[in-house]
Protein backbone atom coordinates (compact mmCIF):
# COMPACT_ATOMS: atom_id res chain seq x y z
CA MET A 1 -11.98 -0.31 27.66
CA LYS A 2 -14.20 1.84 25.04
CA GLU A 3 -11.13 4.30 24.73
CA LYS A 4 -8.62 1.17 24.14
CA THR A 5 -11.06 -0.65 21.76
CA TYR A 6 -11.32 3.26 19.98
CA GLN A 7 -7.89 3.47 19.43
CA VAL A 8 -7.50 -0.20 17.99
CA ALA A 9 -10.20 0.43 15.47
CA ARG A 10 -8.49 4.06 14.60
CA VAL A 11 -5.05 2.08 13.92
CA VAL A 12 -7.16 -0.42 11.88
CA VAL A 13 -8.42 2.49 10.04
CA MET A 14 -5.46 4.33 9.59
CA ALA A 15 -3.35 0.83 8.52
CA ALA A 16 -6.13 -0.17 5.87
CA PHE A 17 -6.39 3.55 4.74
CA LEU A 18 -2.36 4.19 4.32
CA SER A 19 -2.16 0.61 3.00
CA THR A 20 -4.35 1.57 -0.04
CA ILE A 21 -2.05 4.08 -0.51
CA PHE A 22 1.20 2.94 -0.45
CA LEU A 23 1.28 -0.70 0.12
CA ALA A 24 -0.46 -3.61 -2.31
CA ASP A 25 -3.73 -4.62 -2.03
CA ALA A 26 -3.43 -7.81 -0.16
CA ASN A 27 -5.95 -9.49 -2.46
CA LEU A 28 -4.92 -9.54 -5.63
CA SER A 29 -5.46 -6.85 -7.94
CA PHE A 30 -7.48 -6.06 -11.19
CA ALA A 31 -7.01 -3.41 -13.03
CA ALA A 32 -9.77 -2.69 -16.22
CA SER A 33 -7.07 -1.64 -19.35
CA GLY A 34 -7.21 2.45 -19.51
CA LYS A 35 -6.69 1.98 -23.43
CA ASN A 36 -9.84 0.33 -23.71
CA LYS A 37 -12.82 -0.26 -22.45
CA SER A 38 -13.40 -3.96 -22.86
CA SER A 39 -14.44 -6.22 -19.12
CA VAL A 40 -11.66 -7.63 -19.75
CA ALA A 41 -9.38 -7.65 -15.99
CA VAL A 42 -5.51 -7.80 -15.76
CA ILE A 43 -4.61 -9.44 -13.04
CA THR A 44 -1.66 -7.34 -11.45
CA THR A 45 0.88 -8.51 -7.97
CA ALA A 46 1.74 -6.59 -5.80
CA VAL A 47 5.32 -6.57 -6.65
CA ASP A 48 4.10 -5.19 -10.12
CA ASP A 49 1.48 -2.42 -8.18
CA THR A 50 4.44 -1.46 -6.38
CA GLU A 51 6.69 -0.91 -8.76
CA ALA A 52 4.24 1.20 -10.85
CA ARG A 53 3.88 3.52 -7.42
CA ILE A 54 7.50 3.47 -6.86
CA LYS A 55 7.78 5.12 -10.30
CA GLU A 56 4.74 7.64 -10.11
CA LEU A 57 5.72 8.44 -6.64
CA ARG A 58 9.48 9.14 -8.30
CA ASP A 59 8.16 11.31 -11.15
CA ALA A 60 6.17 12.96 -8.90
CA LEU A 61 8.26 14.02 -6.51
CA LYS A 62 11.88 14.52 -8.34
CA ILE A 63 13.89 12.74 -5.84
CA THR A 64 17.00 14.39 -5.51
CA GLY A 65 20.21 13.57 -5.39
CA ALA A 66 20.55 14.04 -1.97
CA GLN A 67 17.28 12.47 -1.35
CA GLU A 68 18.77 8.97 -3.02
CA GLU A 69 19.38 7.11 -0.02
CA LEU A 70 16.58 8.14 2.03
CA TRP A 71 14.28 6.80 -1.40
CA ASN A 72 15.63 3.73 -1.64
CA ASN A 73 15.40 3.10 2.16
CA LEU A 74 11.74 3.84 1.65
CA THR A 75 11.49 1.67 -2.15
CA GLN A 76 13.09 -1.38 -0.10
CA VAL A 77 10.76 -1.41 2.23
CA MET A 78 7.82 -1.24 -0.35
CA ARG A 79 9.03 -4.13 -2.51
CA GLU A 80 9.65 -6.08 0.73
CA ASN A 81 6.07 -5.19 2.04
CA ALA A 82 4.48 -6.36 -1.49
CA ARG A 83 6.30 -9.23 -1.72
CA GLU A 84 5.06 -10.38 1.78
CA MET A 85 1.24 -9.48 0.58
CA ASP A 86 1.77 -11.35 -2.65
CA ALA A 87 2.53 -14.20 -0.54
CA LEU A 88 -0.33 -13.89 1.29
CA ALA A 89 -2.13 -13.42 -1.73
CA LYS A 90 -0.84 -16.59 -3.07
CA ASP A 91 -1.77 -18.49 -0.10
CA ARG A 92 -5.35 -17.07 -0.60
CA ALA A 93 -5.82 -18.49 -3.78
CA GLU A 94 -4.49 -21.48 -3.02
CA ASN A 95 -7.10 -22.46 0.08
CA ILE A 96 -9.92 -19.99 -0.89
CA LYS A 97 -12.43 -22.52 -1.90
CA THR A 98 -11.70 -25.18 1.03
CA MET A 99 -11.20 -22.34 3.77
CA ASN A 100 -14.68 -21.95 6.22
CA ALA A 101 -16.16 -18.72 7.62
CA VAL A 102 -13.42 -18.59 10.63
CA GLU A 103 -11.06 -19.15 8.77
CA HIS A 104 -11.52 -16.77 6.59
CA MET A 105 -11.72 -14.16 9.43
CA LYS A 106 -8.50 -15.56 11.10
CA LEU A 107 -6.67 -14.61 7.12
CA HIS A 108 -8.48 -11.02 8.21
CA SER A 109 -6.96 -10.57 10.74
CA GLN A 110 -3.74 -11.87 9.42
CA ILE A 111 -4.12 -9.23 6.96
CA THR A 112 -4.77 -6.74 8.93
CA GLU A 113 -2.00 -7.44 11.13
CA THR A 114 0.39 -8.02 8.28
CA HIS A 115 -0.20 -4.30 7.29
CA LEU A 116 0.28 -2.92 10.37
CA ASP A 117 3.38 -4.86 10.97
CA GLN A 118 4.06 -2.66 7.59
CA LEU A 119 3.23 0.32 8.19
CA LYS A 120 5.11 0.09 11.61
CA LYS A 121 8.13 -0.56 9.29
CA PHE A 122 7.10 1.98 6.18
CA ILE A 123 6.62 5.02 8.76
CA PRO A 124 10.30 5.79 10.00
CA PRO A 125 11.79 5.69 6.48
CA PHE A 126 8.89 7.69 4.86
CA GLU A 127 8.76 10.27 7.89
CA ALA A 128 12.96 10.59 6.88
CA LEU A 129 12.07 10.79 3.22
CA TYR A 130 9.54 13.37 4.07
CA ALA A 131 11.45 15.74 6.38
CA SER A 132 14.08 16.25 3.89
CA MET A 133 11.73 17.28 0.93
CA SER A 134 11.07 20.80 -0.36
CA ASP A 135 7.79 22.76 0.67
CA LYS A 136 7.12 21.53 -3.11
CA GLN A 137 7.72 17.97 -2.83
CA LYS A 138 5.65 18.07 0.38
CA LYS A 139 3.04 19.64 -1.24
CA ILE A 140 2.76 17.52 -4.00
CA THR A 141 3.55 13.99 -0.98
CA ASP A 142 0.14 15.48 0.65
CA THR A 143 -2.13 16.35 -2.56
CA MET A 144 -1.46 12.63 -3.13
CA PHE A 145 -2.52 11.56 -0.13
CA LYS A 146 -5.61 13.28 -0.26
CA ALA A 147 -6.50 12.49 -4.10
CA GLU A 148 -6.09 8.67 -2.84
CA ARG A 149 -8.14 9.04 0.48
CA HIS A 150 -11.45 10.92 -1.78
CA GLY A 151 -11.01 8.36 -4.50
CA LYS A 152 -9.11 9.42 -6.86
CA HIS A 153 -7.12 6.16 -6.62
CA ARG A 154 -4.05 6.06 -9.40
CA ARG A 155 -5.58 2.92 -11.15
CA LYS A 156 -8.02 3.82 -14.15
């Protein structure tokens, strides 16, 4: 039983880790302007964040014509996941003030389950694209994952 609990915990931790890399945050994101050090926050949607991430990845990876279909399959999943997270964030924002502690926990459970479902949809097209990558592209991708893991988040 302990092993099963440990495996579930590992899946949840991995889902949270990967979601911060390629999937949008379930909460509305707050990013301070990179040019201005003011305390004004800018609200971004998961869709906006995902579009920026797609552009960043495409620029960094230099997707080839031969990889275009695989890239499109991946970005389609990323966009669908972002829209789904925006819907959850909207629902949360509309109901947060009236939710009790139990409802908060249920919402967090729903978000975690959604992240896990999204990862299940995300991994196959990501794996297919990764398999098609050159060694240089793989190295860039691996480096991006490591940078994300160690707190060097792409938002500035």
